[in-house]
Protein backbone atom coordinates (compact mmCIF):
# COMPACT_ATOMS: atom_id res chain seq x y z
CA UNK A 1 0.30 -0.29 0.03
CA UNK A 2 1.53 3.29 -1.18
CA UNK A 3 1.31 5.98 1.83
CA UNK A 4 0.19 9.59 1.36
CA UNK A 5 2.21 11.77 2.80
CA UNK A 6 1.13 15.62 3.74
CA UNK A 7 3.09 18.01 1.43
CA UNK A 8 5.56 20.22 3.80
CA UNK A 9 4.55 23.84 4.23
CA UNK A 10 6.91 26.38 3.01
CA UNK A 11 8.73 28.73 5.22
CA UNK A 12 6.81 31.89 3.77
CA UNK A 13 3.94 29.86 4.45
CA UNK A 14 4.16 28.45 7.65
CA UNK A 15 5.29 32.56 9.01
CA UNK A 16 3.09 34.53 7.23
CA UNK A 17 5.43 35.79 4.45
CA UNK A 18 8.39 36.24 7.14
CA UNK A 19 6.20 37.19 9.81
CA UNK A 20 6.76 35.45 13.25
CA UNK A 21 3.73 33.94 14.67
CA UNK A 22 3.18 33.10 18.59
CA UNK A 23 0.82 30.66 19.91
CA UNK A 24 -2.26 31.53 21.43
CA UNK A 25 -0.67 29.72 24.57
CA UNK A 26 1.16 33.07 25.20
CA UNK A 27 -1.93 35.42 24.53
CA UNK A 28 -3.53 37.33 27.63
CA UNK A 29 -6.89 37.40 29.00
CA UNK A 30 -6.68 41.20 29.16
CA UNK A 31 -5.62 41.47 25.58
CA UNK A 32 -8.40 40.09 23.72
CA UNK A 33 -10.42 43.64 23.23
CA UNK A 34 -13.45 43.46 21.43
CA UNK A 35 -15.42 46.55 22.95
CA UNK A 36 -13.20 48.82 24.37
CA UNK A 37 -14.73 50.51 27.47
CA UNK A 38 -14.57 53.85 29.23
CA UNK A 39 -12.65 53.81 32.57
CA UNK A 40 -13.29 55.91 35.16
CA UNK A 41 -9.78 57.27 35.92
CA UNK A 42 -9.24 58.14 32.49
CA UNK A 43 -11.82 60.84 32.74
CA UNK A 44 -10.71 62.52 35.94
CA UNK A 45 -9.99 65.88 35.68
CA UNK A 46 -6.28 67.02 35.59
CA UNK A 47 -6.69 69.87 37.31
CA UNK A 48 -7.99 67.96 40.55
CA UNK A 49 -6.53 64.44 40.18
CA UNK A 50 -2.82 63.29 39.45
CA UNK A 51 -2.21 62.64 36.12
CA UNK A 52 -0.52 59.12 36.34
CA UNK A 53 -2.99 58.05 38.38
CA UNK A 54 -4.28 54.38 37.90
CA UNK A 55 -7.42 52.50 38.08
CA UNK A 56 -6.69 50.71 41.11
CA UNK A 57 -5.88 53.62 43.26
CA UNK A 58 -9.05 55.27 42.71
CA UNK A 59 -10.86 56.74 45.66
CA UNK A 60 -14.74 56.16 46.22
CA UNK A 61 -14.64 60.08 45.80
CA UNK A 62 -12.49 60.13 42.78
CA UNK A 63 -14.23 57.00 40.92
CA UNK A 64 -17.38 58.73 41.21
CA UNK A 65 -16.25 61.63 39.46
CA UNK A 66 -14.67 59.82 37.01
CA UNK A 67 -17.93 57.93 36.09
CA UNK A 68 -19.94 60.62 36.15
CA UNK A 69 -18.17 62.28 33.90
CA UNK A 70 -18.21 58.98 31.61
CA UNK A 71 -22.12 59.00 32.39
CA UNK A 72 -22.00 62.75 30.45
CA UNK A 73 -19.62 61.87 27.65
CA UNK A 74 -21.42 62.19 24.24
CA UNK A 75 -19.60 58.44 23.18
CA UNK A 76 -22.04 56.59 25.48
CA UNK A 77 -24.93 54.84 23.33
CA UNK A 78 -28.13 56.24 24.60
CA UNK A 79 -29.47 52.98 25.37
CA UNK A 80 -26.83 52.04 27.09
CA UNK A 81 -27.16 55.33 29.51
CA UNK A 82 -29.81 53.69 32.11
CA UNK A 83 -28.33 50.56 32.54
CA UNK A 84 -24.66 52.26 33.50
CA UNK A 85 -26.43 54.33 36.37
CA UNK A 86 -28.33 51.70 37.33
CA UNK A 87 -24.70 49.51 37.96
CA UNK A 88 -23.15 52.88 39.74
CA UNK A 89 -26.17 53.15 42.37
CA UNK A 90 -25.40 49.10 42.56
CA UNK A 91 -21.49 50.05 43.17
CA UNK A 92 -22.39 52.73 46.01
CA UNK A 93 -24.89 50.24 47.60
CA UNK A 94 -22.15 47.84 47.82
CA UNK A 95 -19.49 49.83 48.82
CA UNK A 96 -21.44 50.20 52.04
CA UNK A 97 -21.15 46.28 52.68
CA UNK A 98 -17.91 45.78 51.33
CA UNK A 99 -14.10 46.51 51.07
CA UNK A 100 -13.68 49.58 48.73
CA UNK A 101 -10.95 47.76 47.30
CA UNK A 102 -13.33 44.68 46.39
CA UNK A 103 -15.98 46.90 45.06
CA UNK A 104 -13.03 48.51 42.99
CA UNK A 105 -12.28 44.81 41.00
CA UNK A 106 -15.39 44.03 40.73
CA UNK A 107 -16.34 47.08 38.39
CA UNK A 108 -12.92 45.98 36.95
CA UNK A 109 -13.91 42.70 36.12
CA UNK A 110 -17.60 43.90 34.59
CA UNK A 111 -15.46 46.29 32.41
CA UNK A 112 -13.14 43.56 31.10
CA UNK A 113 -15.69 41.32 30.51
CA UNK A 114 -17.65 44.06 28.16
CA UNK A 115 -14.96 44.19 26.53
CA UNK A 116 -14.17 40.50 26.02
CA UNK A 117 -17.70 40.45 24.47
CA UNK A 118 -19.19 38.31 27.45
CA UNK A 119 -21.25 40.33 28.72
CA UNK A 120 -23.31 43.63 27.72
CA UNK A 121 -24.50 46.37 29.70
CA UNK A 122 -27.77 45.33 31.29
CA UNK A 123 -26.86 41.62 31.75
CA UNK A 124 -26.41 39.69 35.48
CA UNK A 125 -23.34 40.18 37.40
CA UNK A 126 -24.10 38.14 39.75
CA UNK A 127 -21.35 35.48 38.52
CA UNK A 128 -18.82 38.37 38.98
CA UNK A 129 -20.23 39.59 42.46
CA UNK A 130 -19.49 36.04 43.86
CA UNK A 131 -15.89 36.54 42.80
CA UNK A 132 -15.15 39.70 43.69
CA UNK A 133 -17.18 40.42 46.43
CA UNK A 134 -18.29 37.81 48.76
CA UNK A 135 -15.35 37.15 51.05
CA UNK A 136 -14.66 40.72 51.36
CA UNK A 137 -17.17 42.34 54.18
CA UNK A 138 -16.46 45.86 55.21
CA UNK A 139 -15.29 45.89 58.62
CA UNK A 140 -17.90 47.89 61.34
CA UNK A 141 -16.67 50.99 62.31
CA UNK A 142 -14.99 51.50 65.92
CA UNK A 143 -14.24 54.72 68.36
CA UNK A 144 -11.21 55.23 70.40
CA UNK A 145 -11.61 56.75 73.82
CA UNK A 146 -8.88 57.27 76.29
CA UNK A 147 -6.33 55.74 73.91
CA UNK A 148 -7.94 52.30 74.10
CA UNK A 149 -10.24 50.99 71.21
CA UNK A 150 -13.65 49.33 71.37
CA UNK A 151 -16.56 48.21 69.23
CA UNK A 152 -19.17 50.99 68.72
CA UNK A 153 -21.80 47.96 67.59
CA UNK A 154 -23.68 46.11 69.72
CA UNK A 155 -22.67 42.10 68.93
CA UNK A 156 -25.35 40.48 67.03
CA UNK A 157 -25.36 36.68 65.54
CA UNK A 158 -26.77 35.93 62.48
CA UNK A 159 -29.81 33.55 62.49
CA UNK A 160 -29.07 32.14 59.02
CA UNK A 161 -26.08 30.90 60.04
CA UNK A 162 -27.21 28.95 62.95
CA UNK A 163 -29.29 26.95 60.15
CA UNK A 164 -26.71 27.11 57.98
CA UNK A 165 -28.82 28.80 55.23
CA UNK A 166 -26.32 32.15 55.12
CA UNK A 167 -24.85 32.92 51.63
CA UNK A 168 -21.92 34.63 53.02
CA UNK A 169 -19.05 32.62 54.57
CA UNK A 170 -17.73 35.13 57.44
CA UNK A 171 -19.54 38.52 59.32
CA UNK A 172 -21.13 40.89 57.41
CA UNK A 173 -24.06 43.09 57.31
CA UNK A 174 -27.52 42.59 57.37
CA UNK A 175 -31.27 43.74 58.29
CA UNK A 176 -33.09 43.40 61.53
CA UNK A 177 -36.50 44.73 62.13
CA UNK A 178 -35.67 46.79 59.09
CA UNK A 179 -32.30 48.49 60.52
CA UNK A 180 -29.29 47.38 58.80
CA UNK A 181 -26.20 45.82 61.13
CA UNK A 182 -23.29 43.90 61.44
CA UNK A 183 -23.89 40.00 62.12
CA UNK A 184 -21.03 38.09 63.18
CA UNK A 185 -21.10 34.19 62.53
CA UNK A 186 -20.95 32.81 65.99
CA UNK A 187 -23.20 30.67 68.13
CA UNK A 188 -25.99 32.24 69.35
CA UNK A 189 -26.58 29.86 72.14
CA UNK A 190 -22.91 30.34 73.31
CA UNK A 191 -23.42 34.05 72.87
CA UNK A 192 -26.82 34.33 74.87
CA UNK A 193 -25.28 32.13 77.46
CA UNK A 194 -22.10 32.90 78.64
CA UNK A 195 -21.18 35.91 76.34
CA UNK A 196 -18.29 34.06 74.49
CA UNK A 197 -18.02 34.43 70.86
CA UNK A 198 -17.55 31.04 69.76
CA UNK A 199 -17.01 29.98 65.60
CA UNK A 200 -19.53 27.25 65.87
CA UNK A 201 -23.26 27.19 65.00
CA UNK A 202 -26.18 26.56 67.95
CA UNK A 203 -26.89 23.23 68.27
CA UNK A 204 -23.68 22.16 66.70
CA UNK A 205 -21.25 18.97 68.33
CA UNK A 206 -19.03 21.66 69.28
CA UNK A 207 -21.41 23.58 71.42
CA UNK A 208 -21.39 22.83 74.65
CA UNK A 209 -25.02 23.88 75.48
CA UNK A 210 -25.97 21.76 72.71
CA UNK A 211 -24.61 18.79 74.73
CA UNK A 212 -25.62 19.81 77.69
CA UNK A 213 -29.76 19.78 76.58
CA UNK A 214 -28.81 16.30 74.90
CA UNK A 215 -27.48 14.74 78.08
CA UNK A 216 -30.27 16.31 79.71
CA UNK A 217 -32.76 14.94 77.55
CA UNK A 218 -31.28 11.27 77.83
């Protein structure tokens, strides 16, 4: 049987006529930009901001200033403007619950995915929220008096954590009786009975009060 041989490509054909080709393996995620987006740091007024300011260095005030300038830009498609404004409102609510750097990373991830054609304004952003925001809750405010630091908030436990139904992995802001409160992932029994902040759930095998109740029933 005669074996057929694949014809060998010429040198000029294999390298695009003398040009050096690079494998797609070497490409970086952020290099695939199909729809360039407007980033807040590039819209700040030079009279009020540093010329070499970077996106990751933006303060909340600088971010809002740059974002506001973008909303006024004629380069924005009119149909996108409401979605962009709604997104800004969501970011400000997130800034109350999570560290600012995490919120900044979340918005950056949104812009990068839109630039790559994986998202468009108005799409659900839940998958990016879980990657960038969750796990970075904002610490509750504290006050100092007489040189010593004490918490200015009452210790409150998360009820959903006790039932294994909480979507957060650690302490977070939540609502109790319509008021926004800092909720801790601590055992409700241990806190109520002995004022100890134990990391297990109420009713778990680690809880001494749950064990005591079990022995009493037996």
